[in-house]
Full PDB file with SEQRES, HELIX, SHEET, SSBOND, CRYST1, ORIGX, SCALE, CONECT and MASTER records, all heavy atoms in Angstrom:
SEQRES   1 A   31  ARG GLU THR ALA TYR GLY SER HIS LYS LEU PRO HIS ASP          
SEQRES   2 A   31  ALA ILE ARG VAL LEU ALA THR GLN ALA PHE THR GLY ARG          
SEQRES   3 A   31  ARG LYS ASP GLU PHE                                          
HELIX    1 AA1 ALA A   14  THR A   24  1                                  11    
CRYST1    1.000    1.000    1.000  90.00  90.00  90.00 P 1           1          
ORIGX1      1.000000  0.000000  0.000000        0.00000                         
ORIGX2      0.000000  1.000000  0.000000        0.00000                         
ORIGX3      0.000000  0.000000  1.000000        0.00000                         
SCALE1      1.000000  0.000000  0.000000        0.00000                         
SCALE2      0.000000  1.000000  0.000000        0.00000                         
SCALE3      0.000000  0.000000  1.000000        0.00000                         
ATOM      1  N   ARG A   1     -97.422  -0.439  -0.078  1.00  0.00           N  
ATOM      2  CA  ARG A   1     -96.589   0.049   1.044  1.00  0.00           C  
ATOM      3  C   ARG A   1     -96.271   1.522   0.835  1.00  0.00           C  
ATOM      4  O   ARG A   1     -96.217   2.339   1.741  1.00  0.00           O  
ATOM      5  CB  ARG A   1     -95.339  -0.721   1.216  1.00  0.00           C  
ATOM      6  CG  ARG A   1     -94.414  -0.281   2.363  1.00  0.00           C  
ATOM      7  CD  ARG A   1     -95.123  -0.534   3.706  1.00  0.00           C  
ATOM      8  NE  ARG A   1     -94.438   0.192   4.791  1.00  0.00           N  
ATOM      9  CZ  ARG A   1     -94.768   1.348   5.232  1.00  0.00           C  
ATOM     10  NH1 ARG A   1     -95.769   2.052   4.688  1.00  0.00           N  
ATOM     11  NH2 ARG A   1     -94.134   1.908   6.239  1.00  0.00           N  
ATOM     12  N   GLU A   2     -95.930   1.921  -0.422  1.00  0.00           N  
ATOM     13  CA  GLU A   2     -95.505   3.267  -0.690  1.00  0.00           C  
ATOM     14  C   GLU A   2     -96.629   4.329  -0.775  1.00  0.00           C  
ATOM     15  O   GLU A   2     -96.430   5.428  -0.393  1.00  0.00           O  
ATOM     16  CB  GLU A   2     -94.693   3.290  -2.001  1.00  0.00           C  
ATOM     17  CG  GLU A   2     -93.468   2.425  -2.021  1.00  0.00           C  
ATOM     18  CD  GLU A   2     -92.361   2.895  -1.042  1.00  0.00           C  
ATOM     19  OE1 GLU A   2     -92.587   3.941  -0.391  1.00  0.00           O  
ATOM     20  OE2 GLU A   2     -91.342   2.241  -0.981  1.00  0.00           O  
ATOM     21  N   THR A   3     -97.804   3.882  -1.238  1.00  0.00           N  
ATOM     22  CA  THR A   3     -98.856   4.852  -1.494  1.00  0.00           C  
ATOM     23  C   THR A   3    -100.188   4.558  -0.791  1.00  0.00           C  
ATOM     24  O   THR A   3    -101.132   5.330  -0.888  1.00  0.00           O  
ATOM     25  CB  THR A   3     -99.156   4.990  -2.969  1.00  0.00           C  
ATOM     26  OG1 THR A   3     -99.897   3.823  -3.401  1.00  0.00           O  
ATOM     27  CG2 THR A   3     -97.945   5.129  -3.804  1.00  0.00           C  
ATOM     28  N   ALA A   4    -100.250   3.361  -0.116  1.00  0.00           N  
ATOM     29  CA  ALA A   4    -101.543   2.931   0.438  1.00  0.00           C  
ATOM     30  C   ALA A   4    -102.587   2.911  -0.658  1.00  0.00           C  
ATOM     31  O   ALA A   4    -103.750   3.368  -0.450  1.00  0.00           O  
ATOM     32  CB  ALA A   4    -101.978   3.759   1.650  1.00  0.00           C  
ATOM     33  N   TYR A   5    -102.180   2.463  -1.884  1.00  0.00           N  
ATOM     34  CA  TYR A   5    -103.026   2.435  -3.073  1.00  0.00           C  
ATOM     35  C   TYR A   5    -103.633   3.767  -3.428  1.00  0.00           C  
ATOM     36  O   TYR A   5    -104.816   3.905  -3.721  1.00  0.00           O  
ATOM     37  CB  TYR A   5    -104.068   1.334  -2.925  1.00  0.00           C  
ATOM     38  CG  TYR A   5    -103.376  -0.035  -2.783  1.00  0.00           C  
ATOM     39  CD1 TYR A   5    -103.329  -0.695  -1.569  1.00  0.00           C  
ATOM     40  CD2 TYR A   5    -102.728  -0.573  -3.891  1.00  0.00           C  
ATOM     41  CE1 TYR A   5    -102.627  -1.873  -1.440  1.00  0.00           C  
ATOM     42  CE2 TYR A   5    -102.053  -1.790  -3.748  1.00  0.00           C  
ATOM     43  CZ  TYR A   5    -101.977  -2.404  -2.521  1.00  0.00           C  
ATOM     44  OH  TYR A   5    -101.265  -3.610  -2.401  1.00  0.00           O  
ATOM     45  N   GLY A   6    -102.766   4.800  -3.363  1.00  0.00           N  
ATOM     46  CA  GLY A   6    -103.195   6.113  -3.829  1.00  0.00           C  
ATOM     47  C   GLY A   6    -103.652   7.079  -2.770  1.00  0.00           C  
ATOM     48  O   GLY A   6    -103.769   8.251  -3.046  1.00  0.00           O  
ATOM     49  N   SER A   7    -103.843   6.628  -1.527  1.00  0.00           N  
ATOM     50  CA  SER A   7    -104.350   7.542  -0.518  1.00  0.00           C  
ATOM     51  C   SER A   7    -103.280   8.391   0.172  1.00  0.00           C  
ATOM     52  O   SER A   7    -103.542   9.397   0.712  1.00  0.00           O  
ATOM     53  CB  SER A   7    -105.081   6.715   0.577  1.00  0.00           C  
ATOM     54  OG  SER A   7    -104.211   5.860   1.267  1.00  0.00           O  
ATOM     55  N   HIS A   8    -102.022   7.940   0.077  1.00  0.00           N  
ATOM     56  CA  HIS A   8    -100.915   8.706   0.684  1.00  0.00           C  
ATOM     57  C   HIS A   8    -100.320   9.654  -0.359  1.00  0.00           C  
ATOM     58  O   HIS A   8     -99.949   9.235  -1.450  1.00  0.00           O  
ATOM     59  CB  HIS A   8     -99.842   7.775   1.211  1.00  0.00           C  
ATOM     60  CG  HIS A   8     -98.618   8.481   1.724  1.00  0.00           C  
ATOM     61  ND1 HIS A   8     -98.651   9.276   2.851  1.00  0.00           N  
ATOM     62  CD2 HIS A   8     -97.363   8.567   1.260  1.00  0.00           C  
ATOM     63  CE1 HIS A   8     -97.478   9.803   3.076  1.00  0.00           C  
ATOM     64  NE2 HIS A   8     -96.657   9.353   2.086  1.00  0.00           N  
ATOM     65  N   LYS A   9    -100.222  10.936   0.016  1.00  0.00           N  
ATOM     66  CA  LYS A   9     -99.616  11.924  -0.849  1.00  0.00           C  
ATOM     67  C   LYS A   9     -98.328  12.434  -0.244  1.00  0.00           C  
ATOM     68  O   LYS A   9     -98.257  12.659   0.978  1.00  0.00           O  
ATOM     69  CB  LYS A   9    -100.643  13.101  -1.058  1.00  0.00           C  
ATOM     70  CG  LYS A   9    -101.989  12.671  -1.597  1.00  0.00           C  
ATOM     71  CD  LYS A   9    -101.893  11.995  -2.923  1.00  0.00           C  
ATOM     72  CE  LYS A   9    -103.268  11.659  -3.453  1.00  0.00           C  
ATOM     73  NZ  LYS A   9    -103.218  10.868  -4.720  1.00  0.00           N  
ATOM     74  N   LEU A  10     -97.335  12.579  -1.087  1.00  0.00           N  
ATOM     75  CA  LEU A  10     -96.015  13.034  -0.574  1.00  0.00           C  
ATOM     76  C   LEU A  10     -96.145  14.527  -0.163  1.00  0.00           C  
ATOM     77  O   LEU A  10     -96.617  15.359  -0.934  1.00  0.00           O  
ATOM     78  CB  LEU A  10     -94.977  12.909  -1.682  1.00  0.00           C  
ATOM     79  CG  LEU A  10     -94.689  11.405  -2.031  1.00  0.00           C  
ATOM     80  CD1 LEU A  10     -93.817  11.315  -3.292  1.00  0.00           C  
ATOM     81  CD2 LEU A  10     -94.032  10.703  -0.886  1.00  0.00           C  
ATOM     82  N   PRO A  11     -95.697  14.840   1.093  1.00  0.00           N  
ATOM     83  CA  PRO A  11     -95.979  16.157   1.629  1.00  0.00           C  
ATOM     84  C   PRO A  11     -94.970  17.232   1.442  1.00  0.00           C  
ATOM     85  O   PRO A  11     -95.271  18.398   1.696  1.00  0.00           O  
ATOM     86  CB  PRO A  11     -96.047  15.832   3.169  1.00  0.00           C  
ATOM     87  CG  PRO A  11     -95.063  14.716   3.329  1.00  0.00           C  
ATOM     88  CD  PRO A  11     -95.111  13.897   2.056  1.00  0.00           C  
ATOM     89  N   HIS A  12     -93.786  16.925   0.918  1.00  0.00           N  
ATOM     90  CA  HIS A  12     -92.684  17.934   0.944  1.00  0.00           C  
ATOM     91  C   HIS A  12     -92.213  18.296  -0.470  1.00  0.00           C  
ATOM     92  O   HIS A  12     -92.423  17.553  -1.390  1.00  0.00           O  
ATOM     93  CB  HIS A  12     -91.510  17.363   1.696  1.00  0.00           C  
ATOM     94  CG  HIS A  12     -91.728  17.057   3.123  1.00  0.00           C  
ATOM     95  ND1 HIS A  12     -91.907  18.008   4.101  1.00  0.00           N  
ATOM     96  CD2 HIS A  12     -91.829  15.833   3.762  1.00  0.00           C  
ATOM     97  CE1 HIS A  12     -92.094  17.436   5.254  1.00  0.00           C  
ATOM     98  NE2 HIS A  12     -92.077  16.114   5.100  1.00  0.00           N  
ATOM     99  N   ASP A  13     -91.622  19.484  -0.568  1.00  0.00           N  
ATOM    100  CA  ASP A  13     -90.919  19.877  -1.795  1.00  0.00           C  
ATOM    101  C   ASP A  13     -89.600  19.156  -1.775  1.00  0.00           C  
ATOM    102  O   ASP A  13     -88.739  19.311  -0.899  1.00  0.00           O  
ATOM    103  CB  ASP A  13     -90.692  21.356  -1.849  1.00  0.00           C  
ATOM    104  CG  ASP A  13     -89.853  21.813  -2.973  1.00  0.00           C  
ATOM    105  OD1 ASP A  13     -90.289  21.636  -4.146  1.00  0.00           O  
ATOM    106  OD2 ASP A  13     -88.709  22.270  -2.728  1.00  0.00           O  
ATOM    107  N   ALA A  14     -89.302  18.398  -2.844  1.00  0.00           N  
ATOM    108  CA  ALA A  14     -88.096  17.539  -2.921  1.00  0.00           C  
ATOM    109  C   ALA A  14     -86.842  18.367  -2.837  1.00  0.00           C  
ATOM    110  O   ALA A  14     -85.841  17.982  -2.152  1.00  0.00           O  
ATOM    111  CB  ALA A  14     -88.096  16.713  -4.198  1.00  0.00           C  
ATOM    112  N   ILE A  15     -86.777  19.499  -3.560  1.00  0.00           N  
ATOM    113  CA  ILE A  15     -85.572  20.295  -3.553  1.00  0.00           C  
ATOM    114  C   ILE A  15     -85.224  20.838  -2.156  1.00  0.00           C  
ATOM    115  O   ILE A  15     -84.117  20.785  -1.708  1.00  0.00           O  
ATOM    116  CB  ILE A  15     -85.681  21.463  -4.585  1.00  0.00           C  
ATOM    117  CG1 ILE A  15     -85.924  20.917  -5.971  1.00  0.00           C  
ATOM    118  CG2 ILE A  15     -84.420  22.351  -4.523  1.00  0.00           C  
ATOM    119  CD1 ILE A  15     -84.843  19.994  -6.534  1.00  0.00           C  
ATOM    120  N   ARG A  16     -86.242  21.334  -1.496  1.00  0.00           N  
ATOM    121  CA  ARG A  16     -86.041  21.837  -0.144  1.00  0.00           C  
ATOM    122  C   ARG A  16     -85.598  20.734   0.802  1.00  0.00           C  
ATOM    123  O   ARG A  16     -84.647  20.898   1.600  1.00  0.00           O  
ATOM    124  CB  ARG A  16     -87.315  22.500   0.389  1.00  0.00           C  
ATOM    125  CG  ARG A  16     -87.109  23.228   1.722  1.00  0.00           C  
ATOM    126  CD  ARG A  16     -88.397  23.800   2.261  1.00  0.00           C  
ATOM    127  NE  ARG A  16     -88.104  24.689   3.375  1.00  0.00           N  
ATOM    128  CZ  ARG A  16     -88.971  25.028   4.340  1.00  0.00           C  
ATOM    129  NH1 ARG A  16     -90.247  24.522   4.235  1.00  0.00           N  
ATOM    130  NH2 ARG A  16     -88.662  25.844   5.304  1.00  0.00           N  
ATOM    131  N   VAL A  17     -86.241  19.557   0.781  1.00  0.00           N  
ATOM    132  CA  VAL A  17     -85.884  18.434   1.613  1.00  0.00           C  
ATOM    133  C   VAL A  17     -84.447  17.973   1.359  1.00  0.00           C  
ATOM    134  O   VAL A  17     -83.652  17.829   2.307  1.00  0.00           O  
ATOM    135  CB  VAL A  17     -86.865  17.244   1.378  1.00  0.00           C  
ATOM    136  CG1 VAL A  17     -86.295  15.982   1.946  1.00  0.00           C  
ATOM    137  CG2 VAL A  17     -88.207  17.550   1.986  1.00  0.00           C  
ATOM    138  N   LEU A  18     -84.111  17.748   0.136  1.00  0.00           N  
ATOM    139  CA  LEU A  18     -82.815  17.168  -0.168  1.00  0.00           C  
ATOM    140  C   LEU A  18     -81.685  18.213   0.118  1.00  0.00           C  
ATOM    141  O   LEU A  18     -80.633  17.795   0.647  1.00  0.00           O  
ATOM    142  CB  LEU A  18     -82.749  16.751  -1.671  1.00  0.00           C  
ATOM    143  CG  LEU A  18     -83.654  15.574  -2.024  1.00  0.00           C  
ATOM    144  CD1 LEU A  18     -83.767  15.427  -3.530  1.00  0.00           C  
ATOM    145  CD2 LEU A  18     -83.134  14.301  -1.385  1.00  0.00           C  
ATOM    146  N   ALA A  19     -81.951  19.467  -0.166  1.00  0.00           N  
ATOM    147  CA  ALA A  19     -80.954  20.467   0.138  1.00  0.00           C  
ATOM    148  C   ALA A  19     -80.752  20.601   1.655  1.00  0.00           C  
ATOM    149  O   ALA A  19     -79.612  20.733   2.130  1.00  0.00           O  
ATOM    150  CB  ALA A  19     -81.384  21.821  -0.471  1.00  0.00           C  
ATOM    151  N   THR A  20     -81.824  20.549   2.404  1.00  0.00           N  
ATOM    152  CA  THR A  20     -81.708  20.647   3.904  1.00  0.00           C  
ATOM    153  C   THR A  20     -80.906  19.461   4.424  1.00  0.00           C  
ATOM    154  O   THR A  20     -80.029  19.666   5.244  1.00  0.00           O  
ATOM    155  CB  THR A  20     -83.089  20.702   4.496  1.00  0.00           C  
ATOM    156  OG1 THR A  20     -83.827  21.798   4.046  1.00  0.00           O  
ATOM    157  CG2 THR A  20     -82.979  20.813   6.013  1.00  0.00           C  
ATOM    158  N   GLN A  21     -81.227  18.260   3.928  1.00  0.00           N  
ATOM    159  CA  GLN A  21     -80.534  17.064   4.417  1.00  0.00           C  
ATOM    160  C   GLN A  21     -79.055  17.135   4.034  1.00  0.00           C  
ATOM    161  O   GLN A  21     -78.181  16.705   4.791  1.00  0.00           O  
ATOM    162  CB  GLN A  21     -81.182  15.801   3.843  1.00  0.00           C  
ATOM    163  CG  GLN A  21     -82.586  15.525   4.381  1.00  0.00           C  
ATOM    164  CD  GLN A  21     -82.586  15.029   5.801  1.00  0.00           C  
ATOM    165  OE1 GLN A  21     -81.583  14.870   6.447  1.00  0.00           O  
ATOM    166  NE2 GLN A  21     -83.808  14.818   6.350  1.00  0.00           N  
ATOM    167  N   ALA A  22     -78.720  17.636   2.835  1.00  0.00           N  
ATOM    168  CA  ALA A  22     -77.357  17.786   2.422  1.00  0.00           C  
ATOM    169  C   ALA A  22     -76.601  18.874   3.187  1.00  0.00           C  
ATOM    170  O   ALA A  22     -75.407  18.809   3.340  1.00  0.00           O  
ATOM    171  CB  ALA A  22     -77.269  18.031   0.898  1.00  0.00           C  
ATOM    172  N   PHE A  23     -77.368  19.865   3.621  1.00  0.00           N  
ATOM    173  CA  PHE A  23     -76.784  20.981   4.356  1.00  0.00           C  
ATOM    174  C   PHE A  23     -76.517  20.676   5.814  1.00  0.00           C  
ATOM    175  O   PHE A  23     -75.420  20.933   6.328  1.00  0.00           O  
ATOM    176  CB  PHE A  23     -77.794  22.179   4.274  1.00  0.00           C  
ATOM    177  CG  PHE A  23     -77.420  23.396   5.070  1.00  0.00           C  
ATOM    178  CD1 PHE A  23     -76.238  24.016   4.927  1.00  0.00           C  
ATOM    179  CD2 PHE A  23     -78.318  23.895   6.055  1.00  0.00           C  
ATOM    180  CE1 PHE A  23     -75.878  25.150   5.723  1.00  0.00           C  
ATOM    181  CE2 PHE A  23     -78.040  24.961   6.839  1.00  0.00           C  
ATOM    182  CZ  PHE A  23     -76.784  25.652   6.643  1.00  0.00           C  
ATOM    183  N   THR A  24     -77.481  20.006   6.470  1.00  0.00           N  
ATOM    184  CA  THR A  24     -77.257  19.790   7.912  1.00  0.00           C  
ATOM    185  C   THR A  24     -77.815  18.430   8.394  1.00  0.00           C  
ATOM    186  O   THR A  24     -78.114  18.288   9.546  1.00  0.00           O  
ATOM    187  CB  THR A  24     -77.911  20.961   8.733  1.00  0.00           C  
ATOM    188  OG1 THR A  24     -77.486  20.834  10.084  1.00  0.00           O  
ATOM    189  CG2 THR A  24     -79.430  20.962   8.632  1.00  0.00           C  
ATOM    190  N   GLY A  25     -77.941  17.487   7.468  1.00  0.00           N  
ATOM    191  CA  GLY A  25     -78.465  16.178   7.873  1.00  0.00           C  
ATOM    192  C   GLY A  25     -77.361  15.299   8.373  1.00  0.00           C  
ATOM    193  O   GLY A  25     -76.183  15.562   8.282  1.00  0.00           O  
ATOM    194  N   ARG A  26     -77.775  14.126   8.927  1.00  0.00           N  
ATOM    195  CA  ARG A  26     -76.782  13.202   9.471  1.00  0.00           C  
ATOM    196  C   ARG A  26     -75.985  12.497   8.380  1.00  0.00           C  
ATOM    197  O   ARG A  26     -74.881  12.056   8.606  1.00  0.00           O  
ATOM    198  CB  ARG A  26     -77.551  12.148  10.328  1.00  0.00           C  
ATOM    199  CG  ARG A  26     -76.640  11.099  11.027  1.00  0.00           C  
ATOM    200  CD  ARG A  26     -77.524  10.227  11.918  1.00  0.00           C  
ATOM    201  NE  ARG A  26     -78.514   9.493  11.149  1.00  0.00           N  
ATOM    202  CZ  ARG A  26     -78.286   8.365  10.497  1.00  0.00           C  
ATOM    203  NH1 ARG A  26     -77.083   7.844  10.511  1.00  0.00           N  
ATOM    204  NH2 ARG A  26     -79.215   7.779   9.870  1.00  0.00           N  
ATOM    205  N   ARG A  27     -76.573  12.441   7.151  1.00  0.00           N  
ATOM    206  CA  ARG A  27     -75.896  11.787   6.030  1.00  0.00           C  
ATOM    207  C   ARG A  27     -75.640  12.818   4.894  1.00  0.00           C  
ATOM    208  O   ARG A  27     -76.192  12.643   3.798  1.00  0.00           O  
ATOM    209  CB  ARG A  27     -76.715  10.577   5.564  1.00  0.00           C  
ATOM    210  CG  ARG A  27     -76.880   9.506   6.608  1.00  0.00           C  
ATOM    211  CD  ARG A  27     -77.840   8.438   6.142  1.00  0.00           C  
ATOM    212  NE  ARG A  27     -79.233   8.914   6.206  1.00  0.00           N  
ATOM    213  CZ  ARG A  27     -80.216   8.367   5.502  1.00  0.00           C  
ATOM    214  NH1 ARG A  27     -80.004   7.370   4.746  1.00  0.00           N  
ATOM    215  NH2 ARG A  27     -81.452   8.867   5.644  1.00  0.00           N  
ATOM    216  N   LYS A  28     -74.902  13.820   5.188  1.00  0.00           N  
ATOM    217  CA  LYS A  28     -74.750  14.918   4.263  1.00  0.00           C  
ATOM    218  C   LYS A  28     -74.192  14.460   2.885  1.00  0.00           C  
ATOM    219  O   LYS A  28     -74.694  14.929   1.843  1.00  0.00           O  
ATOM    220  CB  LYS A  28     -73.782  15.981   4.822  1.00  0.00           C  
ATOM    221  CG  LYS A  28     -74.258  16.763   6.005  1.00  0.00           C  
ATOM    222  CD  LYS A  28     -73.233  17.770   6.486  1.00  0.00           C  
ATOM    223  CE  LYS A  28     -73.703  18.509   7.681  1.00  0.00           C  
ATOM    224  NZ  LYS A  28     -72.665  19.510   8.143  1.00  0.00           N  
ATOM    225  N   ASP A  29     -73.199  13.604   2.882  1.00  0.00           N  
ATOM    226  CA  ASP A  29     -72.569  13.218   1.631  1.00  0.00           C  
ATOM    227  C   ASP A  29     -73.539  12.504   0.720  1.00  0.00           C  
ATOM    228  O   ASP A  29     -73.569  12.704  -0.514  1.00  0.00           O  
ATOM    229  CB  ASP A  29     -71.347  12.342   1.904  1.00  0.00           C  
ATOM    230  CG  ASP A  29     -70.177  13.103   2.538  1.00  0.00           C  
ATOM    231  OD1 ASP A  29     -70.245  14.345   2.524  1.00  0.00           O  
ATOM    232  OD2 ASP A  29     -69.306  12.473   3.108  1.00  0.00           O  
ATOM    233  N   GLU A  30     -74.372  11.620   1.312  1.00  0.00           N  
ATOM    234  CA  GLU A  30     -75.374  10.894   0.501  1.00  0.00           C  
ATOM    235  C   GLU A  30     -76.387  11.853  -0.063  1.00  0.00           C  
ATOM    236  O   GLU A  30     -76.705  11.746  -1.285  1.00  0.00           O  
ATOM    237  CB  GLU A  30     -76.085   9.854   1.404  1.00  0.00           C  
ATOM    238  CG  GLU A  30     -75.232   8.701   1.846  1.00  0.00           C  
ATOM    239  CD  GLU A  30     -76.026   7.808   2.805  1.00  0.00           C  
ATOM    240  OE1 GLU A  30     -77.229   7.600   2.593  1.00  0.00           O  
ATOM    241  OE2 GLU A  30     -75.399   7.252   3.747  1.00  0.00           O  
ATOM    242  N   PHE A  31     -76.824  12.765   0.725  1.00  0.00           N  
ATOM    243  CA  PHE A  31     -77.871  13.692   0.226  1.00  0.00           C  
ATOM    244  C   PHE A  31     -77.313  14.740  -0.756  1.00  0.00           C  
ATOM    245  O   PHE A  31     -78.068  15.312  -1.565  1.00  0.00           O  
ATOM    246  CB  PHE A  31     -78.609  14.344   1.382  1.00  0.00           C  
ATOM    247  CG  PHE A  31     -79.661  13.459   1.978  1.00  0.00           C  
ATOM    248  CD1 PHE A  31     -79.435  12.743   3.148  1.00  0.00           C  
ATOM    249  CD2 PHE A  31     -80.853  13.268   1.333  1.00  0.00           C  
ATOM    250  CE1 PHE A  31     -80.383  11.921   3.690  1.00  0.00           C  
ATOM    251  CE2 PHE A  31     -81.828  12.392   1.814  1.00  0.00           C  
ATOM    252  CZ  PHE A  31     -81.581  11.730   3.024  1.00  0.00           C  
TER     253      PHE A  31                                                      
MASTER        0    0    0    1    0    0    0    6  252    1    0    3          
END                                                                             
């Protein structure tokens, strides 16, 4: 489910994603 047995690659930079969600996401406190 998570990787389609290796064919799915994660597309984003984690620091940028998490910081953006914490900055202006719907669940700021969680992020």
